[in-house]
Amino acid sequence: MPSNETTIDKLRHLEALYRQGYQNDVTDRSLDKIIELERANARRELDELQERLKRFERQYQISSEEFYRRFRAGEMGDAIDVVEWSIFYDMWESVRSRLEVLEAELT
C-alpha cells in the first residue's frame, strides 16, 4: 500500500477516536506542531515562488495574473521562458491553495 494511503488511514483512525471522545494532550500538541511546520514550509515555498514570479514580471513588464490569463488564452506563445513562468505560476497557485487550507480556522 502506498505511503499516503497509510497516512490517510492513520488520520481516519485518529478522527474516529476523537469523535468518540478520546483526547490526548500529547497527540494534540503533536498535531499542532505538524500543522505549524506545514504552514511554515508552505509560506517559505510561496515566498520563493513569488520571487521567481517577480523576476518574470520585471523582465516582461506584466503581472503574473495577467500573463497567466493571456497564456491560457494562447496569446503568449511557447518559448521556454513562457512555459517556465506558467509552471511557476501553477506551483504558486497550488502552494497558495495549500496554505489557505492550513491557515483556515477550524470550527
PDB file of N, CA and C in Angstrom:
ATOM      1  N   MET A   1       0.851  -1.179   0.000  1.00  0.00           N
ATOM      2  CA  MET A   1       0.000   0.000   0.000  1.00  0.00           C
ATOM      3  C   MET A   1       0.895   1.239   0.000  1.00  0.00           C
ATOM      4  N   PRO A   2       0.623   2.243  -0.855  1.00  0.00           N
ATOM      5  CA  PRO A   2       1.436   3.456  -0.891  1.00  0.00           C
ATOM      6  C   PRO A   2       1.397   4.197   0.438  1.00  0.00           C
ATOM      7  N   SER A   3       2.436   4.918   0.714  1.00  0.00           N
ATOM      8  CA  SER A   3       2.587   5.612   1.985  1.00  0.00           C
ATOM      9  C   SER A   3       1.448   6.586   2.268  1.00  0.00           C
ATOM     10  N   ASN A   4       0.998   7.338   1.259  1.00  0.00           N
ATOM     11  CA  ASN A   4      -0.054   8.322   1.519  1.00  0.00           C
ATOM     12  C   ASN A   4      -1.359   7.662   1.945  1.00  0.00           C
ATOM     13  N   GLU A   5      -1.668   6.489   1.433  1.00  0.00           N
ATOM     14  CA  GLU A   5      -2.872   5.779   1.869  1.00  0.00           C
ATOM     15  C   GLU A   5      -2.731   5.337   3.325  1.00  0.00           C
ATOM     16  N   THR A   6      -1.571   4.930   3.714  1.00  0.00           N
ATOM     17  CA  THR A   6      -1.333   4.534   5.093  1.00  0.00           C
ATOM     18  C   THR A   6      -1.513   5.732   6.013  1.00  0.00           C
ATOM     19  N   THR A   7      -1.006   6.882   5.615  1.00  0.00           N
ATOM     20  CA  THR A   7      -1.161   8.101   6.411  1.00  0.00           C
ATOM     21  C   THR A   7      -2.625   8.481   6.524  1.00  0.00           C
ATOM     22  N   ILE A   8      -3.352   8.418   5.438  1.00  0.00           N
ATOM     23  CA  ILE A   8      -4.778   8.735   5.464  1.00  0.00           C
ATOM     24  C   ILE A   8      -5.514   7.769   6.390  1.00  0.00           C
ATOM     25  N   ASP A   9      -5.159   6.502   6.329  1.00  0.00           N
ATOM     26  CA  ASP A   9      -5.775   5.522   7.226  1.00  0.00           C
ATOM     27  C   ASP A   9      -5.500   5.871   8.685  1.00  0.00           C
ATOM     28  N   LYS A  10      -4.284   6.252   8.991  1.00  0.00           N
ATOM     29  CA  LYS A  10      -3.927   6.625  10.362  1.00  0.00           C
ATOM     30  C   LYS A  10      -4.729   7.831  10.813  1.00  0.00           C
ATOM     31  N   LEU A  11      -4.861   8.817   9.933  1.00  0.00           N
ATOM     32  CA  LEU A  11      -5.638  10.002  10.273  1.00  0.00           C
ATOM     33  C   LEU A  11      -7.110   9.651  10.502  1.00  0.00           C
ATOM     34  N   ARG A  12      -7.630   8.737   9.718  1.00  0.00           N
ATOM     35  CA  ARG A  12      -9.021   8.301   9.900  1.00  0.00           C
ATOM     36  C   ARG A  12      -9.206   7.603  11.241  1.00  0.00           C
ATOM     37  N   HIS A  13      -8.218   6.821  11.641  1.00  0.00           N
ATOM     38  CA  HIS A  13      -8.295   6.157  12.944  1.00  0.00           C
ATOM     39  C   HIS A  13      -8.310   7.198  14.065  1.00  0.00           C
ATOM     40  N   LEU A  14      -7.428   8.193  13.967  1.00  0.00           N
ATOM     41  CA  LEU A  14      -7.416   9.251  14.976  1.00  0.00           C
ATOM     42  C   LEU A  14      -8.733  10.020  14.986  1.00  0.00           C
ATOM     43  N   GLU A  15      -9.238  10.318  13.806  1.00  0.00           N
ATOM     44  CA  GLU A  15     -10.514  11.033  13.721  1.00  0.00           C
ATOM     45  C   GLU A  15     -11.621  10.225  14.402  1.00  0.00           C
ATOM     46  N   ALA A  16     -11.660   8.937  14.141  1.00  0.00           N
ATOM     47  CA  ALA A  16     -12.686   8.082  14.742  1.00  0.00           C
ATOM     48  C   ALA A  16     -12.572   8.086  16.265  1.00  0.00           C
ATOM     49  N   LEU A  17     -11.345   8.015  16.775  1.00  0.00           N
ATOM     50  CA  LEU A  17     -11.147   8.052  18.225  1.00  0.00           C
ATOM     51  C   LEU A  17     -11.621   9.377  18.812  1.00  0.00           C
ATOM     52  N   TYR A  18     -11.245  10.474  18.176  1.00  0.00           N
ATOM     53  CA  TYR A  18     -11.628  11.793  18.687  1.00  0.00           C
ATOM     54  C   TYR A  18     -13.138  12.004  18.625  1.00  0.00           C
ATOM     55  N   ARG A  19     -13.781  11.462  17.602  1.00  0.00           N
ATOM     56  CA  ARG A  19     -15.244  11.578  17.510  1.00  0.00           C
ATOM     57  C   ARG A  19     -15.926  10.802  18.643  1.00  0.00           C
ATOM     58  N   GLN A  20     -15.254   9.792  19.171  1.00  0.00           N
ATOM     59  CA  GLN A  20     -15.794   9.009  20.292  1.00  0.00           C
ATOM     60  C   GLN A  20     -15.470   9.643  21.642  1.00  0.00           C
ATOM     61  N   GLY A  21     -14.792  10.791  21.625  1.00  0.00           N
ATOM     62  CA  GLY A  21     -14.500  11.483  22.871  1.00  0.00           C
ATOM     63  C   GLY A  21     -13.078  11.345  23.368  1.00  0.00           C
ATOM     64  N   TYR A  22     -12.268  10.583  22.673  1.00  0.00           N
ATOM     65  CA  TYR A  22     -10.860  10.427  23.057  1.00  0.00           C
ATOM     66  C   TYR A  22     -10.157  11.765  22.958  1.00  0.00           C
ATOM     67  N   GLN A  23      -9.274  12.027  23.919  1.00  0.00           N
ATOM     68  CA  GLN A  23      -8.447  13.223  23.854  1.00  0.00           C
ATOM     69  C   GLN A  23      -7.123  12.926  24.505  1.00  0.00           C
ATOM     70  N   ASN A  24      -6.066  13.450  23.911  1.00  0.00           N
ATOM     71  CA  ASN A  24      -4.734  13.226  24.431  1.00  0.00           C
ATOM     72  C   ASN A  24      -3.914  14.481  24.166  1.00  0.00           C
ATOM     73  N   ASP A  25      -3.382  15.079  25.230  1.00  0.00           N
ATOM     74  CA  ASP A  25      -2.629  16.330  25.095  1.00  0.00           C
ATOM     75  C   ASP A  25      -1.389  16.169  24.225  1.00  0.00           C
ATOM     76  N   VAL A  26      -0.722  15.047  24.330  1.00  0.00           N
ATOM     77  CA  VAL A  26       0.486  14.820  23.523  1.00  0.00           C
ATOM     78  C   VAL A  26       0.119  14.759  22.036  1.00  0.00           C
ATOM     79  N   THR A  27      -0.951  14.069  21.723  1.00  0.00           N
ATOM     80  CA  THR A  27      -1.414  13.988  20.338  1.00  0.00           C
ATOM     81  C   THR A  27      -1.826  15.372  19.841  1.00  0.00           C
ATOM     82  N   ASP A  28      -2.557  16.105  20.663  1.00  0.00           N
ATOM     83  CA  ASP A  28      -2.992  17.453  20.279  1.00  0.00           C
ATOM     84  C   ASP A  28      -1.793  18.354  20.000  1.00  0.00           C
ATOM     85  N   ARG A  29      -0.829  18.368  20.896  1.00  0.00           N
ATOM     86  CA  ARG A  29       0.358  19.211  20.700  1.00  0.00           C
ATOM     87  C   ARG A  29       1.152  18.763  19.477  1.00  0.00           C
ATOM     88  N   SER A  30       1.238  17.461  19.273  1.00  0.00           N
ATOM     89  CA  SER A  30       1.964  16.939  18.110  1.00  0.00           C
ATOM     90  C   SER A  30       1.297  17.375  16.806  1.00  0.00           C
ATOM     91  N   LEU A  31      -0.020  17.280  16.767  1.00  0.00           N
ATOM     92  CA  LEU A  31      -0.750  17.709  15.572  1.00  0.00           C
ATOM     93  C   LEU A  31      -0.586  19.208  15.339  1.00  0.00           C
ATOM     94  N   ASP A  32      -0.633  19.999  16.416  1.00  0.00           N
ATOM     95  CA  ASP A  32      -0.417  21.445  16.289  1.00  0.00           C
ATOM     96  C   ASP A  32       0.962  21.740  15.699  1.00  0.00           C
ATOM     97  N   LYS A  33       1.969  21.015  16.178  1.00  0.00           N
ATOM     98  CA  LYS A  33       3.339  21.223  15.677  1.00  0.00           C
ATOM     99  C   LYS A  33       3.458  20.813  14.214  1.00  0.00           C
ATOM    100  N   ILE A  34       2.828  19.728  13.837  1.00  0.00           N
ATOM    101  CA  ILE A  34       2.872  19.267  12.441  1.00  0.00           C
ATOM    102  C   ILE A  34       2.215  20.301  11.528  1.00  0.00           C
ATOM    103  N   ILE A  35       1.059  20.796  11.946  1.00  0.00           N
ATOM    104  CA  ILE A  35       0.359  21.791  11.134  1.00  0.00           C
ATOM    105  C   ILE A  35       1.188  23.063  11.023  1.00  0.00           C
ATOM    106  N   GLU A  36       1.781  23.510  12.115  1.00  0.00           N
ATOM    107  CA  GLU A  36       2.606  24.727  12.063  1.00  0.00           C
ATOM    108  C   GLU A  36       3.838  24.523  11.183  1.00  0.00           C
ATOM    109  N   LEU A  37       4.422  23.342  11.226  1.00  0.00           N
ATOM    110  CA  LEU A  37       5.563  23.041  10.351  1.00  0.00           C
ATOM    111  C   LEU A  37       5.142  23.094   8.891  1.00  0.00           C
ATOM    112  N   GLU A  38       3.996  22.531   8.582  1.00  0.00           N
ATOM    113  CA  GLU A  38       3.484  22.562   7.208  1.00  0.00           C
ATOM    114  C   GLU A  38       3.174  23.991   6.774  1.00  0.00           C
ATOM    115  N   ARG A  39       2.635  24.796   7.686  1.00  0.00           N
ATOM    116  CA  ARG A  39       2.384  26.211   7.373  1.00  0.00           C
ATOM    117  C   ARG A  39       3.693  26.927   7.053  1.00  0.00           C
ATOM    118  N   ALA A  40       4.686  26.720   7.888  1.00  0.00           N
ATOM    119  CA  ALA A  40       5.981  27.384   7.681  1.00  0.00           C
ATOM    120  C   ALA A  40       6.605  26.952   6.355  1.00  0.00           C
ATOM    121  N   ASN A  41       6.522  25.668   6.041  1.00  0.00           N
ATOM    122  CA  ASN A  41       7.067  25.182   4.767  1.00  0.00           C
ATOM    123  C   ASN A  41       6.328  25.793   3.583  1.00  0.00           C
ATOM    124  N   ALA A  42       5.011  25.872   3.679  1.00  0.00           N
ATOM    125  CA  ALA A  42       4.215  26.443   2.592  1.00  0.00           C
ATOM    126  C   ALA A  42       4.518  27.932   2.429  1.00  0.00           C
ATOM    127  N   ARG A  43       4.654  28.655   3.541  1.00  0.00           N
ATOM    128  CA  ARG A  43       4.989  30.083   3.458  1.00  0.00           C
ATOM    129  C   ARG A  43       6.346  30.290   2.789  1.00  0.00           C
ATOM    130  N   ARG A  44       7.315  29.456   3.159  1.00  0.00           N
ATOM    131  CA  ARG A  44       8.651  29.552   2.570  1.00  0.00           C
ATOM    132  C   ARG A  44       8.587  29.274   1.072  1.00  0.00           C
ATOM    133  N   GLU A  45       7.886  28.205   0.698  1.00  0.00           N
ATOM    134  CA  GLU A  45       7.740  27.873  -0.720  1.00  0.00           C
ATOM    135  C   GLU A  45       7.048  29.005  -1.475  1.00  0.00           C
ATOM    136  N   LEU A  46       6.002  29.571  -0.873  1.00  0.00           N
ATOM    137  CA  LEU A  46       5.261  30.651  -1.511  1.00  0.00           C
ATOM    138  C   LEU A  46       6.162  31.869  -1.737  1.00  0.00           C
ATOM    139  N   ASP A  47       6.981  32.209  -0.731  1.00  0.00           N
ATOM    140  CA  ASP A  47       7.914  33.329  -0.867  1.00  0.00           C
ATOM    141  C   ASP A  47       8.925  33.083  -1.988  1.00  0.00           C
ATOM    142  N   GLU A  48       9.462  31.871  -2.049  1.00  0.00           N
ATOM    143  CA  GLU A  48      10.439  31.541  -3.096  1.00  0.00           C
ATOM    144  C   GLU A  48       9.796  31.619  -4.479  1.00  0.00           C
ATOM    145  N   LEU A  49       8.607  31.095  -4.608  1.00  0.00           N
ATOM    146  CA  LEU A  49       7.924  31.139  -5.901  1.00  0.00           C
ATOM    147  C   LEU A  49       7.520  32.570  -6.269  1.00  0.00           C
ATOM    148  N   GLN A  50       7.115  33.348  -5.276  1.00  0.00           N
ATOM    149  CA  GLN A  50       6.759  34.744  -5.536  1.00  0.00           C
ATOM    150  C   GLN A  50       7.966  35.501  -6.077  1.00  0.00           C
ATOM    151  N   GLU A  51       9.133  35.237  -5.543  1.00  0.00           N
ATOM    152  CA  GLU A  51      10.348  35.899  -6.032  1.00  0.00           C
ATOM    153  C   GLU A  51      10.631  35.513  -7.484  1.00  0.00           C
ATOM    154  N   ARG A  52      10.449  34.263  -7.815  1.00  0.00           N
ATOM    155  CA  ARG A  52      10.633  33.825  -9.207  1.00  0.00           C
ATOM    156  C   ARG A  52       9.637  34.524 -10.136  1.00  0.00           C
ATOM    157  N   LEU A  53       8.385  34.620  -9.682  1.00  0.00           N
ATOM    158  CA  LEU A  53       7.371  35.285 -10.495  1.00  0.00           C
ATOM    159  C   LEU A  53       7.701  36.763 -10.691  1.00  0.00           C
ATOM    160  N   LYS A  54       8.195  37.400  -9.634  1.00  0.00           N
ATOM    161  CA  LYS A  54       8.548  38.818  -9.729  1.00  0.00           C
ATOM    162  C   LYS A  54       9.649  39.051 -10.757  1.00  0.00           C
ATOM    163  N   ARG A  55      10.580  38.127 -10.867  1.00  0.00           N
ATOM    164  CA  ARG A  55      11.645  38.266 -11.874  1.00  0.00           C
ATOM    165  C   ARG A  55      11.049  38.302 -13.281  1.00  0.00           C
ATOM    166  N   PHE A  56      10.109  37.402 -13.538  1.00  0.00           N
ATOM    167  CA  PHE A  56       9.454  37.394 -14.849  1.00  0.00           C
ATOM    168  C   PHE A  56       8.640  38.672 -15.049  1.00  0.00           C
ATOM    169  N   GLU A  57       7.955  39.098 -14.005  1.00  0.00           N
ATOM    170  CA  GLU A  57       7.140  40.308 -14.115  1.00  0.00           C
ATOM    171  C   GLU A  57       7.999  41.527 -14.449  1.00  0.00           C
ATOM    172  N   ARG A  58       9.159  41.641 -13.808  1.00  0.00           N
ATOM    173  CA  ARG A  58      10.056  42.762 -14.107  1.00  0.00           C
ATOM    174  C   ARG A  58      10.577  42.664 -15.539  1.00  0.00           C
ATOM    175  N   GLN A  59      10.953  41.447 -15.927  1.00  0.00           N
ATOM    176  CA  GLN A  59      11.513  41.249 -17.261  1.00  0.00           C
ATOM    177  C   GLN A  59      10.500  41.559 -18.359  1.00  0.00           C
ATOM    178  N   TYR A  60       9.256  41.125 -18.184  1.00  0.00           N
ATOM    179  CA  TYR A  60       8.242  41.258 -19.238  1.00  0.00           C
ATOM    180  C   TYR A  60       7.242  42.391 -18.982  1.00  0.00           C
ATOM    181  N   GLN A  61       7.373  43.084 -17.839  1.00  0.00           N
ATOM    182  CA  GLN A  61       6.521  44.234 -17.517  1.00  0.00           C
ATOM    183  C   GLN A  61       5.027  43.897 -17.579  1.00  0.00           C
ATOM    184  N   ILE A  62       4.686  42.762 -16.956  1.00  0.00           N
ATOM    185  CA  ILE A  62       3.289  42.327 -16.891  1.00  0.00           C
ATOM    186  C   ILE A  62       3.128  41.514 -15.605  1.00  0.00           C
ATOM    187  N   SER A  63       1.966  41.617 -14.976  1.00  0.00           N
ATOM    188  CA  SER A  63       1.730  40.844 -13.749  1.00  0.00           C
ATOM    189  C   SER A  63       1.608  39.360 -14.103  1.00  0.00           C
ATOM    190  N   SER A  64       1.894  38.540 -13.150  1.00  0.00           N
ATOM    191  CA  SER A  64       1.768  37.095 -13.367  1.00  0.00           C
ATOM    192  C   SER A  64       0.328  36.698 -13.623  1.00  0.00           C
ATOM    193  N   GLU A  65      -0.605  37.370 -12.960  1.00  0.00           N
ATOM    194  CA  GLU A  65      -2.016  37.057 -13.166  1.00  0.00           C
ATOM    195  C   GLU A  65      -2.426  37.348 -14.610  1.00  0.00           C
ATOM    196  N   GLU A  66      -2.012  38.530 -15.116  1.00  0.00           N
ATOM    197  CA  GLU A  66      -2.338  38.892 -16.495  1.00  0.00           C
ATOM    198  C   GLU A  66      -1.617  37.968 -17.483  1.00  0.00           C
ATOM    199  N   PHE A  67      -0.343  37.690 -17.183  1.00  0.00           N
ATOM    200  CA  PHE A  67       0.402  36.753 -18.037  1.00  0.00           C
ATOM    201  C   PHE A  67      -0.337  35.427 -18.131  1.00  0.00           C
ATOM    202  N   TYR A  68      -0.739  34.886 -16.988  1.00  0.00           N
ATOM    203  CA  TYR A  68      -1.338  33.553 -16.975  1.00  0.00           C
ATOM    204  C   TYR A  68      -2.674  33.540 -17.714  1.00  0.00           C
ATOM    205  N   ARG A  69      -3.447  34.603 -17.539  1.00  0.00           N
ATOM    206  CA  ARG A  69      -4.708  34.707 -18.269  1.00  0.00           C
ATOM    207  C   ARG A  69      -4.432  34.679 -19.774  1.00  0.00           C
ATOM    208  N   ARG A  70      -3.452  35.451 -20.192  1.00  0.00           N
ATOM    209  CA  ARG A  70      -3.122  35.507 -21.618  1.00  0.00           C
ATOM    210  C   ARG A  70      -2.480  34.196 -22.093  1.00  0.00           C
ATOM    211  N   PHE A  71      -1.696  33.560 -21.251  1.00  0.00           N
ATOM    212  CA  PHE A  71      -1.082  32.278 -21.583  1.00  0.00           C
ATOM    213  C   PHE A  71      -2.159  31.229 -21.818  1.00  0.00           C
ATOM    214  N   ARG A  72      -3.136  31.177 -20.901  1.00  0.00           N
ATOM    215  CA  ARG A  72      -4.224  30.196 -21.020  1.00  0.00           C
ATOM    216  C   ARG A  72      -5.080  30.449 -22.264  1.00  0.00           C
ATOM    217  N   ALA A  73      -5.090  31.711 -22.709  1.00  0.00           N
ATOM    218  CA  ALA A  73      -5.843  32.057 -23.917  1.00  0.00           C
ATOM    219  C   ALA A  73      -5.022  31.812 -25.185  1.00  0.00           C
ATOM    220  N   GLY A  74      -3.777  31.330 -25.021  1.00  0.00           N
ATOM    221  CA  GLY A  74      -2.931  31.037 -26.169  1.00  0.00           C
ATOM    222  C   GLY A  74      -2.257  32.242 -26.787  1.00  0.00           C
ATOM    223  N   GLU A  75      -2.165  33.331 -26.031  1.00  0.00           N
ATOM    224  CA  GLU A  75      -1.626  34.576 -26.564  1.00  0.00           C
ATOM    225  C   GLU A  75      -0.144  34.786 -26.279  1.00  0.00           C
ATOM    226  N   MET A  76       0.488  33.895 -25.529  1.00  0.00           N
ATOM    227  CA  MET A  76       1.862  34.144 -25.095  1.00  0.00           C
ATOM    228  C   MET A  76       2.906  33.277 -25.801  1.00  0.00           C
ATOM    229  N   GLY A  77       2.493  32.376 -26.643  1.00  0.00           N
ATOM    230  CA  GLY A  77       3.452  31.520 -27.331  1.00  0.00           C
ATOM    231  C   GLY A  77       3.930  30.387 -26.456  1.00  0.00           C
ATOM    232  N   ASP A  78       5.025  29.756 -26.885  1.00  0.00           N
ATOM    233  CA  ASP A  78       5.531  28.603 -26.128  1.00  0.00           C
ATOM    234  C   ASP A  78       7.047  28.645 -25.952  1.00  0.00           C
ATOM    235  N   ALA A  79       7.604  29.852 -25.884  1.00  0.00           N
ATOM    236  CA  ALA A  79       9.034  29.994 -25.596  1.00  0.00           C
ATOM    237  C   ALA A  79       9.330  29.390 -24.223  1.00  0.00           C
ATOM    238  N   ILE A  80      10.564  28.992 -24.012  1.00  0.00           N
ATOM    239  CA  ILE A  80      10.935  28.325 -22.757  1.00  0.00           C
ATOM    240  C   ILE A  80      10.628  29.200 -21.548  1.00  0.00           C
ATOM    241  N   ASP A  81      10.881  30.518 -21.627  1.00  0.00           N
ATOM    242  CA  ASP A  81      10.559  31.410 -20.514  1.00  0.00           C
ATOM    243  C   ASP A  81       9.063  31.412 -20.215  1.00  0.00           C
ATOM    244  N   VAL A  82       8.266  31.404 -21.249  1.00  0.00           N
ATOM    245  CA  VAL A  82       6.813  31.427 -21.088  1.00  0.00           C
ATOM    246  C   VAL A  82       6.331  30.146 -20.409  1.00  0.00           C
ATOM    247  N   VAL A  83       6.836  29.029 -20.860  1.00  0.00           N
ATOM    248  CA  VAL A  83       6.451  27.746 -20.259  1.00  0.00           C
ATOM    249  C   VAL A  83       6.926  27.682 -18.807  1.00  0.00           C
ATOM    250  N   GLU A  84       8.153  28.119 -18.566  1.00  0.00           N
ATOM    251  CA  GLU A  84       8.693  28.109 -17.203  1.00  0.00           C
ATOM    252  C   GLU A  84       7.852  29.007 -16.291  1.00  0.00           C
ATOM    253  N   TRP A  85       7.524  30.199 -16.757  1.00  0.00           N
ATOM    254  CA  TRP A  85       6.696  31.124 -15.986  1.00  0.00           C
ATOM    255  C   TRP A  85       5.353  30.488 -15.653  1.00  0.00           C
ATOM    256  N   SER A  86       4.747  29.843 -16.635  1.00  0.00           N
ATOM    257  CA  SER A  86       3.447  29.208 -16.388  1.00  0.00           C
ATOM    258  C   SER A  86       3.556  28.090 -15.357  1.00  0.00           C
ATOM    259  N   ILE A  87       4.648  27.356 -15.399  1.00  0.00           N
ATOM    260  CA  ILE A  87       4.852  26.282 -14.415  1.00  0.00           C
ATOM    261  C   ILE A  87       5.010  26.858 -13.016  1.00  0.00           C
ATOM    262  N   PHE A  88       5.813  27.918 -12.888  1.00  0.00           N
ATOM    263  CA  PHE A  88       5.981  28.556 -11.576  1.00  0.00           C
ATOM    264  C   PHE A  88       4.656  29.134 -11.075  1.00  0.00           C
ATOM    265  N   TYR A  89       3.860  29.668 -11.976  1.00  0.00           N
ATOM    266  CA  TYR A  89       2.562  30.213 -11.569  1.00  0.00           C
ATOM    267  C   TYR A  89       1.641  29.080 -11.092  1.00  0.00           C
ATOM    268  N   ASP A  90       1.631  27.973 -11.812  1.00  0.00           N
ATOM    269  CA  ASP A  90       0.841  26.813 -11.374  1.00  0.00           C
ATOM    270  C   ASP A  90       1.293  26.340  -9.993  1.00  0.00           C
ATOM    271  N   MET A  91       2.591  26.280  -9.790  1.00  0.00           N
ATOM    272  CA  MET A  91       3.128  25.860  -8.496  1.00  0.00           C
ATOM    273  C   MET A  91       2.724  26.849  -7.403  1.00  0.00           C
ATOM    274  N   TRP A  92       2.818  28.151  -7.701  1.00  0.00           N
ATOM    275  CA  TRP A  92       2.451  29.189  -6.743  1.00  0.00           C
ATOM    276  C   TRP A  92       0.978  29.047  -6.351  1.00  0.00           C
ATOM    277  N   GLU A  93       0.108  28.846  -7.338  1.00  0.00           N
ATOM    278  CA  GLU A  93      -1.318  28.659  -7.065  1.00  0.00           C
ATOM    279  C   GLU A  93      -1.552  27.434  -6.172  1.00  0.00           C
ATOM    280  N   SER A  94      -0.852  26.363  -6.452  1.00  0.00           N
ATOM    281  CA  SER A  94      -1.008  25.133  -5.671  1.00  0.00           C
ATOM    282  C   SER A  94      -0.582  25.341  -4.218  1.00  0.00           C
ATOM    283  N   VAL A  95       0.564  25.983  -4.020  1.00  0.00           N
ATOM    284  CA  VAL A  95       1.051  26.230  -2.661  1.00  0.00           C
ATOM    285  C   VAL A  95       0.133  27.211  -1.944  1.00  0.00           C
ATOM    286  N   ARG A  96      -0.326  28.247  -2.631  1.00  0.00           N
ATOM    287  CA  ARG A  96      -1.242  29.220  -2.044  1.00  0.00           C
ATOM    288  C   ARG A  96      -2.525  28.533  -1.575  1.00  0.00           C
ATOM    289  N   SER A  97      -3.031  27.629  -2.386  1.00  0.00           N
ATOM    290  CA  SER A  97      -4.231  26.880  -2.033  1.00  0.00           C
ATOM    291  C   SER A  97      -3.989  26.002  -0.802  1.00  0.00           C
ATOM    292  N   ARG A  98      -2.846  25.352  -0.774  1.00  0.00           N
ATOM    293  CA  ARG A  98      -2.490  24.504   0.380  1.00  0.00           C
ATOM    294  C   ARG A  98      -2.396  25.350   1.639  1.00  0.00           C
ATOM    295  N   LEU A  99      -1.766  26.534   1.524  1.00  0.00           N
ATOM    296  CA  LEU A  99      -1.625  27.406   2.683  1.00  0.00           C
ATOM    297  C   LEU A  99      -2.979  27.898   3.166  1.00  0.00           C
ATOM    298  N   GLU A 100      -3.897  28.182   2.270  1.00  0.00           N
ATOM    299  CA  GLU A 100      -5.246  28.585   2.676  1.00  0.00           C
ATOM    300  C   GLU A 100      -5.894  27.507   3.531  1.00  0.00           C
ATOM    301  N   VAL A 101      -5.727  26.263   3.137  1.00  0.00           N
ATOM    302  CA  VAL A 101      -6.289  25.154   3.921  1.00  0.00           C
ATOM    303  C   VAL A 101      -5.627  25.092   5.289  1.00  0.00           C
ATOM    304  N   LEU A 102      -4.311  25.233   5.313  1.00  0.00           N
ATOM    305  CA  LEU A 102      -3.575  25.133   6.577  1.00  0.00           C
ATOM    306  C   LEU A 102      -3.882  26.296   7.516  1.00  0.00           C
ATOM    307  N   GLU A 103      -4.229  27.457   6.953  1.00  0.00           N
ATOM    308  CA  GLU A 103      -4.486  28.622   7.781  1.00  0.00           C
ATOM    309  C   GLU A 103      -5.962  28.816   8.098  1.00  0.00           C
ATOM    310  N   ALA A 104      -6.814  27.987   7.534  1.00  0.00           N
ATOM    311  CA  ALA A 104      -8.253  28.112   7.784  1.00  0.00           C
ATOM    312  C   ALA A 104      -8.536  27.848   9.262  1.00  0.00           C
ATOM    313  N   GLU A 105      -9.442  28.622   9.784  1.00  0.00           N
ATOM    314  CA  GLU A 105      -9.865  28.412  11.167  1.00  0.00           C
ATOM    315  C   GLU A 105     -10.687  27.134  11.236  1.00  0.00           C
ATOM    316  N   LEU A 106     -10.361  26.298  12.169  1.00  0.00           N
ATOM    317  CA  LEU A 106     -11.140  25.082  12.387  1.00  0.00           C
ATOM    318  C   LEU A 106     -12.340  25.421  13.265  1.00  0.00           C
ATOM    319  N   THR A 107     -13.504  24.972  12.811  1.00  0.00           N
ATOM    320  CA  THR A 107     -14.702  25.265  13.590  1.00  0.00           C
ATOM    321  C   THR A 107     -15.330  23.994  14.092  1.00  0.00           C
TER     322      THR A 107
END
